[in-house]
Each structure stands twice: as C-alpha cells, then as structure tokens.
Amino acid sequence: MFLGENLIILLVLAFGGALAVGNFLALVNTKDAPDDRDYERPPLFRSIIMILIGLIAAIWAIVSLL
C-alpha cells in the first residue's frame, strides 16, 4: 500500500492533534493580550468544542494504532 497501511489513521491523529493544540494555543495566547492591539479573542464555546473534537479524533487514532 502507498505510504503504509496506517496512513489514514496517522492522518486522523495529525489533524486531530493539530485541531486540539491549535485551538488551545489560540485561547491561551490571547488571554493576556493588550487591549490596544489587533488581537481578537476567539469564541470560547466554539474553541472548546473544536478542542474536544480534536481530542476525540486523536484518542481514536491512538487506540486504533495500538
């Protein structure tokens, strides 16, 4: 098989991890941002939902690899 048998699972792990970590860092990075800058705080509810979706995908991929 092209690029290995676990390609789809590894892609789900990569995208799920990136979704979770990216949204988490977006929340943390703008927490102490000064008000006079062009920083815009991401919506809290949407970010938490995206973090949970990413974690579920990453955990599913890790379990599938084991």
PDB file of N, CA and C in Angstrom:
ATOM      1  N   MET A   1       0.844  -1.188   0.000  1.00  0.00           N
ATOM      2  CA  MET A   1       0.000   0.000   0.000  1.00  0.00           C
ATOM      3  C   MET A   1       0.886   1.247   0.000  1.00  0.00           C
ATOM      4  N   PHE A   2       0.443   2.270  -0.686  1.00  0.00           N
ATOM      5  CA  PHE A   2       1.187   3.521  -0.806  1.00  0.00           C
ATOM      6  C   PHE A   2       1.291   4.225   0.546  1.00  0.00           C
ATOM      7  N   LEU A   3       2.503   4.496   1.002  1.00  0.00           N
ATOM      8  CA  LEU A   3       2.807   5.195   2.251  1.00  0.00           C
ATOM      9  C   LEU A   3       2.386   4.434   3.508  1.00  0.00           C
ATOM     10  N   GLY A   4       2.227   3.150   3.436  1.00  0.00           N
ATOM     11  CA  GLY A   4       1.957   2.345   4.621  1.00  0.00           C
ATOM     12  C   GLY A   4       0.496   1.999   4.795  1.00  0.00           C
ATOM     13  N   GLU A   5       0.274   1.021   5.660  1.00  0.00           N
ATOM     14  CA  GLU A   5      -1.086   0.537   5.903  1.00  0.00           C
ATOM     15  C   GLU A   5      -1.880   1.453   6.826  1.00  0.00           C
ATOM     16  N   ASN A   6      -1.207   2.240   7.636  1.00  0.00           N
ATOM     17  CA  ASN A   6      -1.878   3.070   8.637  1.00  0.00           C
ATOM     18  C   ASN A   6      -1.941   4.539   8.237  1.00  0.00           C
ATOM     19  N   LEU A   7      -1.931   4.821   6.962  1.00  0.00           N
ATOM     20  CA  LEU A   7      -1.881   6.215   6.510  1.00  0.00           C
ATOM     21  C   LEU A   7      -3.091   7.014   6.980  1.00  0.00           C
ATOM     22  N   ILE A   8      -4.285   6.477   6.830  1.00  0.00           N
ATOM     23  CA  ILE A   8      -5.499   7.203   7.226  1.00  0.00           C
ATOM     24  C   ILE A   8      -5.518   7.448   8.731  1.00  0.00           C
ATOM     25  N   ILE A   9      -5.113   6.460   9.498  1.00  0.00           N
ATOM     26  CA  ILE A   9      -5.108   6.602  10.953  1.00  0.00           C
ATOM     27  C   ILE A   9      -4.084   7.647  11.379  1.00  0.00           C
ATOM     28  N   LEU A  10      -2.915   7.658  10.758  1.00  0.00           N
ATOM     29  CA  LEU A  10      -1.900   8.648  11.088  1.00  0.00           C
ATOM     30  C   LEU A  10      -2.340  10.057  10.694  1.00  0.00           C
ATOM     31  N   LEU A  11      -3.059  10.176   9.585  1.00  0.00           N
ATOM     32  CA  LEU A  11      -3.587  11.482   9.189  1.00  0.00           C
ATOM     33  C   LEU A  11      -4.656  11.973  10.166  1.00  0.00           C
ATOM     34  N   VAL A  12      -5.507  11.065  10.637  1.00  0.00           N
ATOM     35  CA  VAL A  12      -6.511  11.447  11.634  1.00  0.00           C
ATOM     36  C   VAL A  12      -5.829  11.881  12.924  1.00  0.00           C
ATOM     37  N   LEU A  13      -4.766  11.188  13.320  1.00  0.00           N
ATOM     38  CA  LEU A  13      -4.015  11.576  14.508  1.00  0.00           C
ATOM     39  C   LEU A  13      -3.394  12.957  14.332  1.00  0.00           C
ATOM     40  N   ALA A  14      -2.804  13.215  13.181  1.00  0.00           N
ATOM     41  CA  ALA A  14      -2.166  14.509  12.934  1.00  0.00           C
ATOM     42  C   ALA A  14      -3.190  15.644  12.912  1.00  0.00           C
ATOM     43  N   PHE A  15      -4.282  15.458  12.190  1.00  0.00           N
ATOM     44  CA  PHE A  15      -5.292  16.516  12.105  1.00  0.00           C
ATOM     45  C   PHE A  15      -6.022  16.718  13.432  1.00  0.00           C
ATOM     46  N   GLY A  16      -6.317  15.643  14.143  1.00  0.00           N
ATOM     47  CA  GLY A  16      -6.974  15.776  15.444  1.00  0.00           C
ATOM     48  C   GLY A  16      -6.084  16.473  16.454  1.00  0.00           C
ATOM     49  N   GLY A  17      -4.815  16.096  16.470  1.00  0.00           N
ATOM     50  CA  GLY A  17      -3.881  16.761  17.380  1.00  0.00           C
ATOM     51  C   GLY A  17      -3.692  18.225  17.042  1.00  0.00           C
ATOM     52  N   ALA A  18      -3.593  18.526  15.752  1.00  0.00           N
ATOM     53  CA  ALA A  18      -3.431  19.920  15.339  1.00  0.00           C
ATOM     54  C   ALA A  18      -4.679  20.742  15.678  1.00  0.00           C
ATOM     55  N   LEU A  19      -5.846  20.156  15.522  1.00  0.00           N
ATOM     56  CA  LEU A  19      -7.087  20.855  15.845  1.00  0.00           C
ATOM     57  C   LEU A  19      -7.161  21.168  17.330  1.00  0.00           C
ATOM     58  N   ALA A  20      -6.809  20.199  18.161  1.00  0.00           N
ATOM     59  CA  ALA A  20      -6.876  20.396  19.606  1.00  0.00           C
ATOM     60  C   ALA A  20      -5.812  21.383  20.083  1.00  0.00           C
ATOM     61  N   VAL A  21      -4.584  21.179  19.673  1.00  0.00           N
ATOM     62  CA  VAL A  21      -3.486  22.038  20.151  1.00  0.00           C
ATOM     63  C   VAL A  21      -3.614  23.456  19.594  1.00  0.00           C
ATOM     64  N   GLY A  22      -3.986  23.582  18.331  1.00  0.00           N
ATOM     65  CA  GLY A  22      -4.107  24.908  17.737  1.00  0.00           C
ATOM     66  C   GLY A  22      -5.173  25.756  18.402  1.00  0.00           C
ATOM     67  N   ASN A  23      -6.328  25.176  18.670  1.00  0.00           N
ATOM     68  CA  ASN A  23      -7.388  25.938  19.338  1.00  0.00           C
ATOM     69  C   ASN A  23      -7.035  26.245  20.778  1.00  0.00           C
ATOM     70  N   PHE A  24      -6.368  25.318  21.453  1.00  0.00           N
ATOM     71  CA  PHE A  24      -5.945  25.571  22.830  1.00  0.00           C
ATOM     72  C   PHE A  24      -4.944  26.719  22.887  1.00  0.00           C
ATOM     73  N   LEU A  25      -3.967  26.707  21.996  1.00  0.00           N
ATOM     74  CA  LEU A  25      -2.973  27.771  21.987  1.00  0.00           C
ATOM     75  C   LEU A  25      -3.578  29.109  21.577  1.00  0.00           C
ATOM     76  N   ALA A  26      -4.589  29.096  20.725  1.00  0.00           N
ATOM     77  CA  ALA A  26      -5.270  30.341  20.372  1.00  0.00           C
ATOM     78  C   ALA A  26      -5.972  30.941  21.581  1.00  0.00           C
ATOM     79  N   LEU A  27      -6.535  30.105  22.431  1.00  0.00           N
ATOM     80  CA  LEU A  27      -7.172  30.602  23.651  1.00  0.00           C
ATOM     81  C   LEU A  27      -6.149  31.127  24.644  1.00  0.00           C
ATOM     82  N   VAL A  28      -5.057  30.394  24.811  1.00  0.00           N
ATOM     83  CA  VAL A  28      -4.036  30.775  25.798  1.00  0.00           C
ATOM     84  C   VAL A  28      -3.273  32.013  25.342  1.00  0.00           C
ATOM     85  N   ASN A  29      -2.979  32.113  24.058  1.00  0.00           N
ATOM     86  CA  ASN A  29      -2.162  33.203  23.538  1.00  0.00           C
ATOM     87  C   ASN A  29      -2.845  34.552  23.671  1.00  0.00           C
ATOM     88  N   THR A  30      -4.139  34.617  23.498  1.00  0.00           N
ATOM     89  CA  THR A  30      -4.853  35.891  23.559  1.00  0.00           C
ATOM     90  C   THR A  30      -5.400  36.195  24.950  1.00  0.00           C
ATOM     91  N   LYS A  31      -5.069  35.368  25.909  1.00  0.00           N
ATOM     92  CA  LYS A  31      -5.588  35.572  27.265  1.00  0.00           C
ATOM     93  C   LYS A  31      -5.058  36.863  27.879  1.00  0.00           C
ATOM     94  N   ASP A  32      -3.774  37.117  27.728  1.00  0.00           N
ATOM     95  CA  ASP A  32      -3.151  38.298  28.318  1.00  0.00           C
ATOM     96  C   ASP A  32      -2.787  39.341  27.270  1.00  0.00           C
ATOM     97  N   ALA A  33      -3.466  39.334  26.143  1.00  0.00           N
ATOM     98  CA  ALA A  33      -3.158  40.283  25.072  1.00  0.00           C
ATOM     99  C   ALA A  33      -3.614  41.682  25.484  1.00  0.00           C
ATOM    100  N   PRO A  34      -2.817  42.683  25.154  1.00  0.00           N
ATOM    101  CA  PRO A  34      -3.229  44.055  25.478  1.00  0.00           C
ATOM    102  C   PRO A  34      -4.449  44.475  24.656  1.00  0.00           C
ATOM    103  N   ASP A  35      -5.233  45.350  25.212  1.00  0.00           N
ATOM    104  CA  ASP A  35      -6.483  45.761  24.559  1.00  0.00           C
ATOM    105  C   ASP A  35      -6.252  46.676  23.360  1.00  0.00           C
ATOM    106  N   ASP A  36      -5.140  47.388  23.329  1.00  0.00           N
ATOM    107  CA  ASP A  36      -4.912  48.339  22.247  1.00  0.00           C
ATOM    108  C   ASP A  36      -4.323  47.684  20.996  1.00  0.00           C
ATOM    109  N   ARG A  37      -4.111  46.399  21.000  1.00  0.00           N
ATOM    110  CA  ARG A  37      -3.562  45.698  19.841  1.00  0.00           C
ATOM    111  C   ARG A  37      -4.686  45.173  18.960  1.00  0.00           C
ATOM    112  N   ASP A  38      -4.301  44.555  17.853  1.00  0.00           N
ATOM    113  CA  ASP A  38      -5.272  43.989  16.921  1.00  0.00           C
ATOM    114  C   ASP A  38      -5.606  42.534  17.237  1.00  0.00           C
ATOM    115  N   TYR A  39      -5.330  42.089  18.454  1.00  0.00           N
ATOM    116  CA  TYR A  39      -5.656  40.725  18.837  1.00  0.00           C
ATOM    117  C   TYR A  39      -7.156  40.590  19.005  1.00  0.00           C
ATOM    118  N   GLU A  40      -7.662  39.516  18.490  1.00  0.00           N
ATOM    119  CA  GLU A  40      -9.090  39.254  18.646  1.00  0.00           C
ATOM    120  C   GLU A  40      -9.251  37.909  19.333  1.00  0.00           C
ATOM    121  N   ARG A  41      -9.931  37.885  20.436  1.00  0.00           N
ATOM    122  CA  ARG A  41     -10.117  36.656  21.203  1.00  0.00           C
ATOM    123  C   ARG A  41     -11.083  35.731  20.462  1.00  0.00           C
ATOM    124  N   PRO A  42     -10.687  34.457  20.294  1.00  0.00           N
ATOM    125  CA  PRO A  42     -11.593  33.515  19.603  1.00  0.00           C
ATOM    126  C   PRO A  42     -12.796  33.186  20.496  1.00  0.00           C
ATOM    127  N   PRO A  43     -13.908  32.810  19.888  1.00  0.00           N
ATOM    128  CA  PRO A  43     -15.096  32.441  20.676  1.00  0.00           C
ATOM    129  C   PRO A  43     -14.798  31.236  21.574  1.00  0.00           C
ATOM    130  N   LEU A  44     -15.114  31.363  22.842  1.00  0.00           N
ATOM    131  CA  LEU A  44     -14.774  30.337  23.829  1.00  0.00           C
ATOM    132  C   LEU A  44     -15.508  29.029  23.578  1.00  0.00           C
ATOM    133  N   PHE A  45     -16.810  29.091  23.353  1.00  0.00           N
ATOM    134  CA  PHE A  45     -17.605  27.869  23.179  1.00  0.00           C
ATOM    135  C   PHE A  45     -17.149  27.086  21.944  1.00  0.00           C
ATOM    136  N   ARG A  46     -16.946  27.788  20.827  1.00  0.00           N
ATOM    137  CA  ARG A  46     -16.508  27.121  19.606  1.00  0.00           C
ATOM    138  C   ARG A  46     -15.124  26.515  19.777  1.00  0.00           C
ATOM    139  N   SER A  47     -14.246  27.214  20.475  1.00  0.00           N
ATOM    140  CA  SER A  47     -12.892  26.692  20.681  1.00  0.00           C
ATOM    141  C   SER A  47     -12.904  25.435  21.543  1.00  0.00           C
ATOM    142  N   ILE A  48     -13.725  25.422  22.569  1.00  0.00           N
ATOM    143  CA  ILE A  48     -13.808  24.239  23.435  1.00  0.00           C
ATOM    144  C   ILE A  48     -14.380  23.049  22.664  1.00  0.00           C
ATOM    145  N   ILE A  49     -15.386  23.297  21.833  1.00  0.00           N
ATOM    146  CA  ILE A  49     -15.957  22.219  21.013  1.00  0.00           C
ATOM    147  C   ILE A  49     -14.905  21.669  20.058  1.00  0.00           C
ATOM    148  N   MET A  50     -14.133  22.552  19.418  1.00  0.00           N
ATOM    149  CA  MET A  50     -13.096  22.106  18.487  1.00  0.00           C
ATOM    150  C   MET A  50     -11.983  21.340  19.204  1.00  0.00           C
ATOM    151  N   ILE A  51     -11.639  21.765  20.412  1.00  0.00           N
ATOM    152  CA  ILE A  51     -10.638  21.038  21.198  1.00  0.00           C
ATOM    153  C   ILE A  51     -11.141  19.638  21.507  1.00  0.00           C
ATOM    154  N   LEU A  52     -12.395  19.514  21.901  1.00  0.00           N
ATOM    155  CA  LEU A  52     -12.961  18.204  22.213  1.00  0.00           C
ATOM    156  C   LEU A  52     -13.021  17.307  20.978  1.00  0.00           C
ATOM    157  N   ILE A  53     -13.397  17.861  19.831  1.00  0.00           N
ATOM    158  CA  ILE A  53     -13.436  17.071  18.596  1.00  0.00           C
ATOM    159  C   ILE A  53     -12.029  16.582  18.243  1.00  0.00           C
ATOM    160  N   GLY A  54     -11.050  17.458  18.352  1.00  0.00           N
ATOM    161  CA  GLY A  54      -9.673  17.079  18.066  1.00  0.00           C
ATOM    162  C   GLY A  54      -9.153  16.012  19.010  1.00  0.00           C
ATOM    163  N   LEU A  55      -9.473  16.138  20.293  1.00  0.00           N
ATOM    164  CA  LEU A  55      -9.048  15.128  21.270  1.00  0.00           C
ATOM    165  C   LEU A  55      -9.694  13.776  20.997  1.00  0.00           C
ATOM    166  N   ILE A  56     -10.963  13.787  20.668  1.00  0.00           N
ATOM    167  CA  ILE A  56     -11.649  12.524  20.368  1.00  0.00           C
ATOM    168  C   ILE A  56     -11.026  11.856  19.149  1.00  0.00           C
ATOM    169  N   ALA A  57     -10.734  12.627  18.114  1.00  0.00           N
ATOM    170  CA  ALA A  57     -10.119  12.071  16.908  1.00  0.00           C
ATOM    171  C   ALA A  57      -8.722  11.529  17.206  1.00  0.00           C
ATOM    172  N   ALA A  58      -7.943  12.271  17.980  1.00  0.00           N
ATOM    173  CA  ALA A  58      -6.578  11.838  18.293  1.00  0.00           C
ATOM    174  C   ALA A  58      -6.587  10.584  19.168  1.00  0.00           C
ATOM    175  N   ILE A  59      -7.471  10.541  20.141  1.00  0.00           N
ATOM    176  CA  ILE A  59      -7.551   9.359  21.009  1.00  0.00           C
ATOM    177  C   ILE A  59      -8.015   8.145  20.215  1.00  0.00           C
ATOM    178  N   TRP A  60      -8.978   8.339  19.333  1.00  0.00           N
ATOM    179  CA  TRP A  60      -9.452   7.243  18.476  1.00  0.00           C
ATOM    180  C   TRP A  60      -8.311   6.714  17.617  1.00  0.00           C
ATOM    181  N   ALA A  61      -7.500   7.603  17.069  1.00  0.00           N
ATOM    182  CA  ALA A  61      -6.392   7.177  16.212  1.00  0.00           C
ATOM    183  C   ALA A  61      -5.327   6.430  17.023  1.00  0.00           C
ATOM    184  N   ILE A  62      -5.033   6.894  18.224  1.00  0.00           N
ATOM    185  CA  ILE A  62      -4.042   6.215  19.060  1.00  0.00           C
ATOM    186  C   ILE A  62      -4.535   4.825  19.428  1.00  0.00           C
ATOM    187  N   VAL A  63      -5.800   4.701  19.794  1.00  0.00           N
ATOM    188  CA  VAL A  63      -6.356   3.395  20.131  1.00  0.00           C
ATOM    189  C   VAL A  63      -6.339   2.474  18.905  1.00  0.00           C
ATOM    190  N   SER A  64      -6.617   3.015  17.737  1.00  0.00           N
ATOM    191  CA  SER A  64      -6.597   2.212  16.522  1.00  0.00           C
ATOM    192  C   SER A  64      -5.191   1.732  16.181  1.00  0.00           C
ATOM    193  N   LEU A  65      -4.197   2.536  16.474  1.00  0.00           N
ATOM    194  CA  LEU A  65      -2.814   2.132  16.198  1.00  0.00           C
ATOM    195  C   LEU A  65      -2.345   1.038  17.149  1.00  0.00           C
ATOM    196  N   LEU A  66      -2.897   1.041  18.369  1.00  0.00           N
ATOM    197  CA  LEU A  66      -2.492   0.026  19.337  1.00  0.00           C
ATOM    198  C   LEU A  66      -3.200  -1.271  19.050  1.00  0.00           C
TER     199      LEU A  66
END
